[in-house]
PDB file of N, CA and C in Angstrom:
ATOM      1  N   CYS A   1      -5.319  14.805   3.311  1.00  0.00           N
ATOM      2  CA  CYS A   1      -5.596  13.985   2.062  1.00  0.00           C
ATOM      3  C   CYS A   1      -6.859  13.174   2.273  1.00  0.00           C
ATOM      4  N   ASN A   2      -7.593  13.025   1.223  1.00  0.00           N
ATOM      5  CA  ASN A   2      -8.767  12.124   1.275  1.00  0.00           C
ATOM      6  C   ASN A   2      -8.912  11.531  -0.048  1.00  0.00           C
ATOM      7  N   LEU A   3      -9.244  10.190  -0.049  1.00  0.00           N
ATOM      8  CA  LEU A   3      -9.509   9.449  -1.283  1.00  0.00           C
ATOM      9  C   LEU A   3     -11.013   9.364  -1.404  1.00  0.00           C
ATOM     10  N   ILE A   4     -11.522   9.909  -2.517  1.00  0.00           N
ATOM     11  CA  ILE A   4     -12.936   9.943  -2.726  1.00  0.00           C
ATOM     12  C   ILE A   4     -13.333   9.375  -4.104  1.00  0.00           C
ATOM     13  N   LEU A   5     -14.374   8.590  -4.164  1.00  0.00           N
ATOM     14  CA  LEU A   5     -14.921   8.086  -5.382  1.00  0.00           C
ATOM     15  C   LEU A   5     -16.212   8.805  -5.743  1.00  0.00           C
ATOM     16  N   TYR A   6     -16.292   9.459  -6.874  1.00  0.00           N
ATOM     17  CA  TYR A   6     -17.479  10.227  -7.301  1.00  0.00           C
ATOM     18  C   TYR A   6     -18.164   9.604  -8.474  1.00  0.00           C
ATOM     19  N   ALA A   7     -19.470   9.819  -8.575  1.00  0.00           N
ATOM     20  CA  ALA A   7     -20.272   9.594  -9.694  1.00  0.00           C
ATOM     21  C   ALA A   7     -20.903  10.934 -10.014  1.00  0.00           C
ATOM     22  N   GLY A   8     -20.330  11.664 -11.008  1.00  0.00           N
ATOM     23  CA  GLY A   8     -20.753  13.027 -11.194  1.00  0.00           C
ATOM     24  C   GLY A   8     -20.401  13.877 -10.019  1.00  0.00           C
ATOM     25  N   ASN A   9     -21.350  14.586  -9.414  1.00  0.00           N
ATOM     26  CA  ASN A   9     -21.110  15.310  -8.194  1.00  0.00           C
ATOM     27  C   ASN A   9     -21.401  14.596  -6.922  1.00  0.00           C
ATOM     28  N   LYS A  10     -21.853  13.363  -7.052  1.00  0.00           N
ATOM     29  CA  LYS A  10     -22.256  12.565  -5.869  1.00  0.00           C
ATOM     30  C   LYS A  10     -21.099  11.715  -5.332  1.00  0.00           C
ATOM     31  N   ILE A  11     -20.879  11.834  -3.999  1.00  0.00           N
ATOM     32  CA  ILE A  11     -19.768  10.988  -3.401  1.00  0.00           C
ATOM     33  C   ILE A  11     -20.344   9.590  -3.186  1.00  0.00           C
ATOM     34  N   LEU A  12     -19.683   8.649  -3.788  1.00  0.00           N
ATOM     35  CA  LEU A  12     -20.047   7.200  -3.580  1.00  0.00           C
ATOM     36  C   LEU A  12     -19.326   6.579  -2.409  1.00  0.00           C
ATOM     37  N   TRP A  13     -18.006   7.009  -2.188  1.00  0.00           N
ATOM     38  CA  TRP A  13     -17.256   6.408  -1.193  1.00  0.00           C
ATOM     39  C   TRP A  13     -16.134   7.367  -0.816  1.00  0.00           C
ATOM     40  N   SER A  14     -15.764   7.340   0.471  1.00  0.00           N
ATOM     41  CA  SER A  14     -14.634   8.204   0.891  1.00  0.00           C
ATOM     42  C   SER A  14     -14.000   7.461   2.105  1.00  0.00           C
ATOM     43  N   ILE A  15     -12.684   7.702   2.231  1.00  0.00           N
ATOM     44  CA  ILE A  15     -11.987   7.161   3.363  1.00  0.00           C
ATOM     45  C   ILE A  15     -11.963   8.040   4.547  1.00  0.00           C
ATOM     46  N   GLU A  16     -12.559   9.255   4.361  1.00  0.00           N
ATOM     47  CA  GLU A  16     -12.746  10.264   5.457  1.00  0.00           C
ATOM     48  C   GLU A  16     -11.422  10.525   6.173  1.00  0.00           C
ATOM     49  N   THR A  17     -10.400  10.870   5.449  1.00  0.00           N
ATOM     50  CA  THR A  17      -9.135  11.200   6.073  1.00  0.00           C
ATOM     51  C   THR A  17      -8.733  12.652   5.710  1.00  0.00           C
ATOM     52  N   SER A  18      -9.657  13.556   5.389  1.00  0.00           N
ATOM     53  CA  SER A  18      -9.327  14.903   5.082  1.00  0.00           C
ATOM     54  C   SER A  18      -8.719  15.543   6.216  1.00  0.00           C
ATOM     55  N   ASN A  19      -7.830  16.538   5.988  1.00  0.00           N
ATOM     56  CA  ASN A  19      -7.054  17.300   6.991  1.00  0.00           C
ATOM     57  C   ASN A  19      -6.046  16.445   7.722  1.00  0.00           C
ATOM     58  N   ASN A  20      -5.683  15.265   7.150  1.00  0.00           N
ATOM     59  CA  ASN A  20      -4.724  14.405   7.787  1.00  0.00           C
ATOM     60  C   ASN A  20      -3.455  14.300   7.108  1.00  0.00           C
ATOM     61  N   GLY A  21      -3.153  15.129   6.154  1.00  0.00           N
ATOM     62  CA  GLY A  21      -1.906  15.096   5.458  1.00  0.00           C
ATOM     63  C   GLY A  21      -1.961  15.911   4.139  1.00  0.00           C
ATOM     64  N   LEU A  22      -0.737  16.164   3.677  1.00  0.00           N
ATOM     65  CA  LEU A  22      -0.561  16.890   2.371  1.00  0.00           C
ATOM     66  C   LEU A  22       0.415  16.010   1.502  1.00  0.00           C
ATOM     67  N   LYS A  23       0.243  16.249   0.226  1.00  0.00           N
ATOM     68  CA  LYS A  23       1.125  15.529  -0.755  1.00  0.00           C
ATOM     69  C   LYS A  23       1.108  14.044  -0.537  1.00  0.00           C
ATOM     70  N   CYS A  24      -0.034  13.464  -0.326  1.00  0.00           N
ATOM     71  CA  CYS A  24      -0.143  12.045  -0.064  1.00  0.00           C
ATOM     72  C   CYS A  24       0.086  11.181  -1.297  1.00  0.00           C
ATOM     73  N   VAL A  25       0.368   9.943  -1.076  1.00  0.00           N
ATOM     74  CA  VAL A  25       0.663   8.954  -2.161  1.00  0.00           C
ATOM     75  C   VAL A  25      -0.167   7.723  -1.889  1.00  0.00           C
ATOM     76  N   LEU A  26      -0.923   7.271  -2.936  1.00  0.00           N
ATOM     77  CA  LEU A  26      -1.632   6.038  -2.883  1.00  0.00           C
ATOM     78  C   LEU A  26      -0.721   4.974  -3.565  1.00  0.00           C
ATOM     79  N   ARG A  27      -0.439   3.920  -2.895  1.00  0.00           N
ATOM     80  CA  ARG A  27       0.550   2.936  -3.340  1.00  0.00           C
ATOM     81  C   ARG A  27      -0.020   1.560  -3.253  1.00  0.00           C
ATOM     82  N   LEU A  28       0.150   0.749  -4.263  1.00  0.00           N
ATOM     83  CA  LEU A  28      -0.142  -0.671  -4.226  1.00  0.00           C
ATOM     84  C   LEU A  28       1.150  -1.372  -3.843  1.00  0.00           C
ATOM     85  N   GLN A  29       1.267  -1.866  -2.669  1.00  0.00           N
ATOM     86  CA  GLN A  29       2.528  -2.539  -2.240  1.00  0.00           C
ATOM     87  C   GLN A  29       2.697  -3.923  -2.807  1.00  0.00           C
ATOM     88  N   GLU A  30       3.853  -4.393  -2.719  1.00  0.00           N
ATOM     89  CA  GLU A  30       4.149  -5.742  -3.254  1.00  0.00           C
ATOM     90  C   GLU A  30       3.345  -6.844  -2.625  1.00  0.00           C
ATOM     91  N   ASP A  31       2.882  -6.635  -1.423  1.00  0.00           N
ATOM     92  CA  ASP A  31       2.030  -7.648  -0.757  1.00  0.00           C
ATOM     93  C   ASP A  31       0.545  -7.553  -1.086  1.00  0.00           C
ATOM     94  N   GLY A  32       0.198  -6.567  -1.961  1.00  0.00           N
ATOM     95  CA  GLY A  32      -1.172  -6.462  -2.419  1.00  0.00           C
ATOM     96  C   GLY A  32      -2.002  -5.518  -1.639  1.00  0.00           C
ATOM     97  N   ASN A  33      -1.448  -4.871  -0.572  1.00  0.00           N
ATOM     98  CA  ASN A  33      -2.218  -3.943   0.190  1.00  0.00           C
ATOM     99  C   ASN A  33      -2.127  -2.550  -0.439  1.00  0.00           C
ATOM    100  N   LEU A  34      -3.307  -1.929  -0.666  1.00  0.00           N
ATOM    101  CA  LEU A  34      -3.366  -0.613  -1.182  1.00  0.00           C
ATOM    102  C   LEU A  34      -3.350   0.400  -0.060  1.00  0.00           C
ATOM    103  N   VAL A  35      -2.312   1.269  -0.067  1.00  0.00           N
ATOM    104  CA  VAL A  35      -2.099   2.124   1.151  1.00  0.00           C
ATOM    105  C   VAL A  35      -2.013   3.569   0.733  1.00  0.00           C
ATOM    106  N   LEU A  36      -2.655   4.485   1.565  1.00  0.00           N
ATOM    107  CA  LEU A  36      -2.497   5.880   1.401  1.00  0.00           C
ATOM    108  C   LEU A  36      -1.541   6.391   2.429  1.00  0.00           C
ATOM    109  N   TYR A  37      -0.417   6.967   1.971  1.00  0.00           N
ATOM    110  CA  TYR A  37       0.623   7.504   2.867  1.00  0.00           C
ATOM    111  C   TYR A  37       0.590   9.030   2.859  1.00  0.00           C
ATOM    112  N   SER A  38       0.854   9.641   3.970  1.00  0.00           N
ATOM    113  CA  SER A  38       1.057  11.153   4.015  1.00  0.00           C
ATOM    114  C   SER A  38       2.431  11.369   3.641  1.00  0.00           C
ATOM    115  N   SER A  39       2.776  12.700   3.500  1.00  0.00           N
ATOM    116  CA  SER A  39       4.133  13.054   3.034  1.00  0.00           C
ATOM    117  C   SER A  39       5.245  12.586   3.992  1.00  0.00           C
ATOM    118  N   ASN A  40       4.833  12.468   5.308  1.00  0.00           N
ATOM    119  CA  ASN A  40       5.831  11.976   6.277  1.00  0.00           C
ATOM    120  C   ASN A  40       5.875  10.467   6.379  1.00  0.00           C
ATOM    121  N   LYS A  41       5.195   9.809   5.470  1.00  0.00           N
ATOM    122  CA  LYS A  41       5.200   8.342   5.306  1.00  0.00           C
ATOM    123  C   LYS A  41       4.340   7.636   6.369  1.00  0.00           C
ATOM    124  N   SER A  42       3.479   8.335   7.063  1.00  0.00           N
ATOM    125  CA  SER A  42       2.556   7.643   8.011  1.00  0.00           C
ATOM    126  C   SER A  42       1.380   7.156   7.197  1.00  0.00           C
ATOM    127  N   VAL A  43       0.848   6.046   7.597  1.00  0.00           N
ATOM    128  CA  VAL A  43      -0.319   5.423   6.923  1.00  0.00           C
ATOM    129  C   VAL A  43      -1.573   6.067   7.358  1.00  0.00           C
ATOM    130  N   LEU A  44      -2.313   6.634   6.365  1.00  0.00           N
ATOM    131  CA  LEU A  44      -3.650   7.215   6.671  1.00  0.00           C
ATOM    132  C   LEU A  44      -4.746   6.283   6.450  1.00  0.00           C
ATOM    133  N   TRP A  45      -4.581   5.348   5.545  1.00  0.00           N
ATOM    134  CA  TRP A  45      -5.583   4.355   5.266  1.00  0.00           C
ATOM    135  C   TRP A  45      -4.966   3.203   4.543  1.00  0.00           C
ATOM    136  N   HIS A  46      -5.508   1.978   4.716  1.00  0.00           N
ATOM    137  CA  HIS A  46      -5.015   0.830   3.913  1.00  0.00           C
ATOM    138  C   HIS A  46      -6.244  -0.100   3.655  1.00  0.00           C
ATOM    139  N   SER A  47      -6.136  -0.881   2.617  1.00  0.00           N
ATOM    140  CA  SER A  47      -7.256  -1.688   2.160  1.00  0.00           C
ATOM    141  C   SER A  47      -7.277  -2.980   2.940  1.00  0.00           C
ATOM    142  N   ASP A  48      -6.150  -3.352   3.610  1.00  0.00           N
ATOM    143  CA  ASP A  48      -6.121  -4.578   4.385  1.00  0.00           C
ATOM    144  C   ASP A  48      -6.263  -5.813   3.496  1.00  0.00           C
ATOM    145  N   THR A  49      -5.765  -5.711   2.253  1.00  0.00           N
ATOM    146  CA  THR A  49      -5.763  -6.871   1.334  1.00  0.00           C
ATOM    147  C   THR A  49      -4.334  -7.323   1.110  1.00  0.00           C
ATOM    148  N   TYR A  50      -4.173  -8.642   1.020  1.00  0.00           N
ATOM    149  CA  TYR A  50      -2.868  -9.262   0.888  1.00  0.00           C
ATOM    150  C   TYR A  50      -2.985 -10.428  -0.098  1.00  0.00           C
ATOM    151  N   CYS A  51      -1.892 -10.692  -0.778  1.00  0.00           N
ATOM    152  CA  CYS A  51      -1.847 -11.802  -1.670  1.00  0.00           C
ATOM    153  C   CYS A  51      -0.861 -12.862  -1.168  1.00  0.00           C
ATOM    154  N   ASN A  52      -0.907 -14.044  -1.694  1.00  0.00           N
ATOM    155  CA  ASN A  52      -0.142 -15.170  -1.191  1.00  0.00           C
ATOM    156  C   ASN A  52       1.160 -15.398  -1.903  1.00  0.00           C
ATOM    157  N   TYR A  53       1.428 -14.618  -2.964  1.00  0.00           N
ATOM    158  CA  TYR A  53       2.726 -14.812  -3.689  1.00  0.00           C
ATOM    159  C   TYR A  53       3.396 -13.469  -3.873  1.00  0.00           C
ATOM    160  N   GLN A  54       4.707 -13.511  -4.127  1.00  0.00           N
ATOM    161  CA  GLN A  54       5.526 -12.336  -4.272  1.00  0.00           C
ATOM    162  C   GLN A  54       5.133 -11.524  -5.586  1.00  0.00           C
ATOM    163  N   ASN A  55       5.274 -10.260  -5.488  1.00  0.00           N
ATOM    164  CA  ASN A  55       5.066  -9.316  -6.603  1.00  0.00           C
ATOM    165  C   ASN A  55       3.707  -9.456  -7.275  1.00  0.00           C
ATOM    166  N   CYS A  56       2.686  -9.731  -6.473  1.00  0.00           N
ATOM    167  CA  CYS A  56       1.333  -9.850  -7.004  1.00  0.00           C
ATOM    168  C   CYS A  56       0.870  -8.521  -7.551  1.00  0.00           C
ATOM    169  N   HIS A  57       1.465  -7.373  -7.058  1.00  0.00           N
ATOM    170  CA  HIS A  57       1.065  -6.058  -7.562  1.00  0.00           C
ATOM    171  C   HIS A  57       1.381  -5.838  -9.043  1.00  0.00           C
ATOM    172  N   GLU A  58       2.341  -6.598  -9.586  1.00  0.00           N
ATOM    173  CA  GLU A  58       2.707  -6.462 -11.036  1.00  0.00           C
ATOM    174  C   GLU A  58       1.542  -6.791 -11.949  1.00  0.00           C
ATOM    175  N   ASN A  59       0.669  -7.644 -11.557  1.00  0.00           N
ATOM    176  CA  ASN A  59      -0.433  -8.038 -12.449  1.00  0.00           C
ATOM    177  C   ASN A  59      -1.781  -7.464 -11.942  1.00  0.00           C
ATOM    178  N   ALA A  60      -1.745  -6.602 -10.929  1.00  0.00           N
ATOM    179  CA  ALA A  60      -2.978  -6.098 -10.311  1.00  0.00           C
ATOM    180  C   ALA A  60      -3.612  -5.096 -11.200  1.00  0.00           C
ATOM    181  N   VAL A  61      -5.009  -5.105 -11.112  1.00  0.00           N
ATOM    182  CA  VAL A  61      -5.820  -4.201 -11.965  1.00  0.00           C
ATOM    183  C   VAL A  61      -6.899  -3.606 -11.027  1.00  0.00           C
ATOM    184  N   LEU A  62      -7.014  -2.281 -11.097  1.00  0.00           N
ATOM    185  CA  LEU A  62      -8.090  -1.606 -10.380  1.00  0.00           C
ATOM    186  C   LEU A  62      -9.208  -1.253 -11.379  1.00  0.00           C
ATOM    187  N   ILE A  63     -10.420  -1.820 -11.110  1.00  0.00           N
ATOM    188  CA  ILE A  63     -11.519  -1.726 -12.040  1.00  0.00           C
ATOM    189  C   ILE A  63     -12.734  -1.102 -11.414  1.00  0.00           C
ATOM    190  N   MET A  64     -13.339  -0.188 -12.109  1.00  0.00           N
ATOM    191  CA  MET A  64     -14.663   0.352 -11.703  1.00  0.00           C
ATOM    192  C   MET A  64     -15.672  -0.459 -12.445  1.00  0.00           C
ATOM    193  N   GLN A  65     -16.493  -1.279 -11.710  1.00  0.00           N
ATOM    194  CA  GLN A  65     -17.495  -2.110 -12.298  1.00  0.00           C
ATOM    195  C   GLN A  65     -18.722  -1.278 -12.629  1.00  0.00           C
ATOM    196  N   ASN A  66     -19.614  -1.859 -13.416  1.00  0.00           N
ATOM    197  CA  ASN A  66     -20.886  -1.222 -13.857  1.00  0.00           C
ATOM    198  C   ASN A  66     -21.720  -0.812 -12.695  1.00  0.00           C
ATOM    199  N   ASN A  67     -21.642  -1.610 -11.543  1.00  0.00           N
ATOM    200  CA  ASN A  67     -22.440  -1.304 -10.406  1.00  0.00           C
ATOM    201  C   ASN A  67     -21.787  -0.315  -9.439  1.00  0.00           C
ATOM    202  N   CYS A  68     -20.702   0.360  -9.872  1.00  0.00           N
ATOM    203  CA  CYS A  68     -19.973   1.358  -9.163  1.00  0.00           C
ATOM    204  C   CYS A  68     -19.103   0.801  -8.082  1.00  0.00           C
ATOM    205  N   ASN A  69     -18.857  -0.511  -8.111  1.00  0.00           N
ATOM    206  CA  ASN A  69     -17.930  -1.183  -7.205  1.00  0.00           C
ATOM    207  C   ASN A  69     -16.507  -0.983  -7.735  1.00  0.00           C
ATOM    208  N   LEU A  70     -15.634  -0.445  -6.905  1.00  0.00           N
ATOM    209  CA  LEU A  70     -14.218  -0.303  -7.319  1.00  0.00           C
ATOM    210  C   LEU A  70     -13.511  -1.533  -6.726  1.00  0.00           C
ATOM    211  N   VAL A  71     -12.964  -2.321  -7.629  1.00  0.00           N
ATOM    212  CA  VAL A  71     -12.367  -3.629  -7.208  1.00  0.00           C
ATOM    213  C   VAL A  71     -10.931  -3.753  -7.662  1.00  0.00           C
ATOM    214  N   LEU A  72     -10.100  -4.269  -6.817  1.00  0.00           N
ATOM    215  CA  LEU A  72      -8.689  -4.555  -7.056  1.00  0.00           C
ATOM    216  C   LEU A  72      -8.553  -5.993  -7.261  1.00  0.00           C
ATOM    217  N   TYR A  73      -8.129  -6.422  -8.475  1.00  0.00           N
ATOM    218  CA  TYR A  73      -7.904  -7.804  -8.832  1.00  0.00           C
ATOM    219  C   TYR A  73      -6.429  -8.045  -8.937  1.00  0.00           C
TER     220      TYR A  73
END
């Protein structure tokens, strides 16, 4: 699995985890950490972001800004 952000055919960003899993899941956890899991539930990548209150994921928004910055609020 690999998580890639494109602009047309151009790769803007990649976590470079290809050939490291199948049927992966990208999950925003309750603690605010965005995590890519393989089918056997091993962590392939994580954003290393955390919030200070419970269930902060309920109000989270993933936004592509005009400058091509992908931001999790």
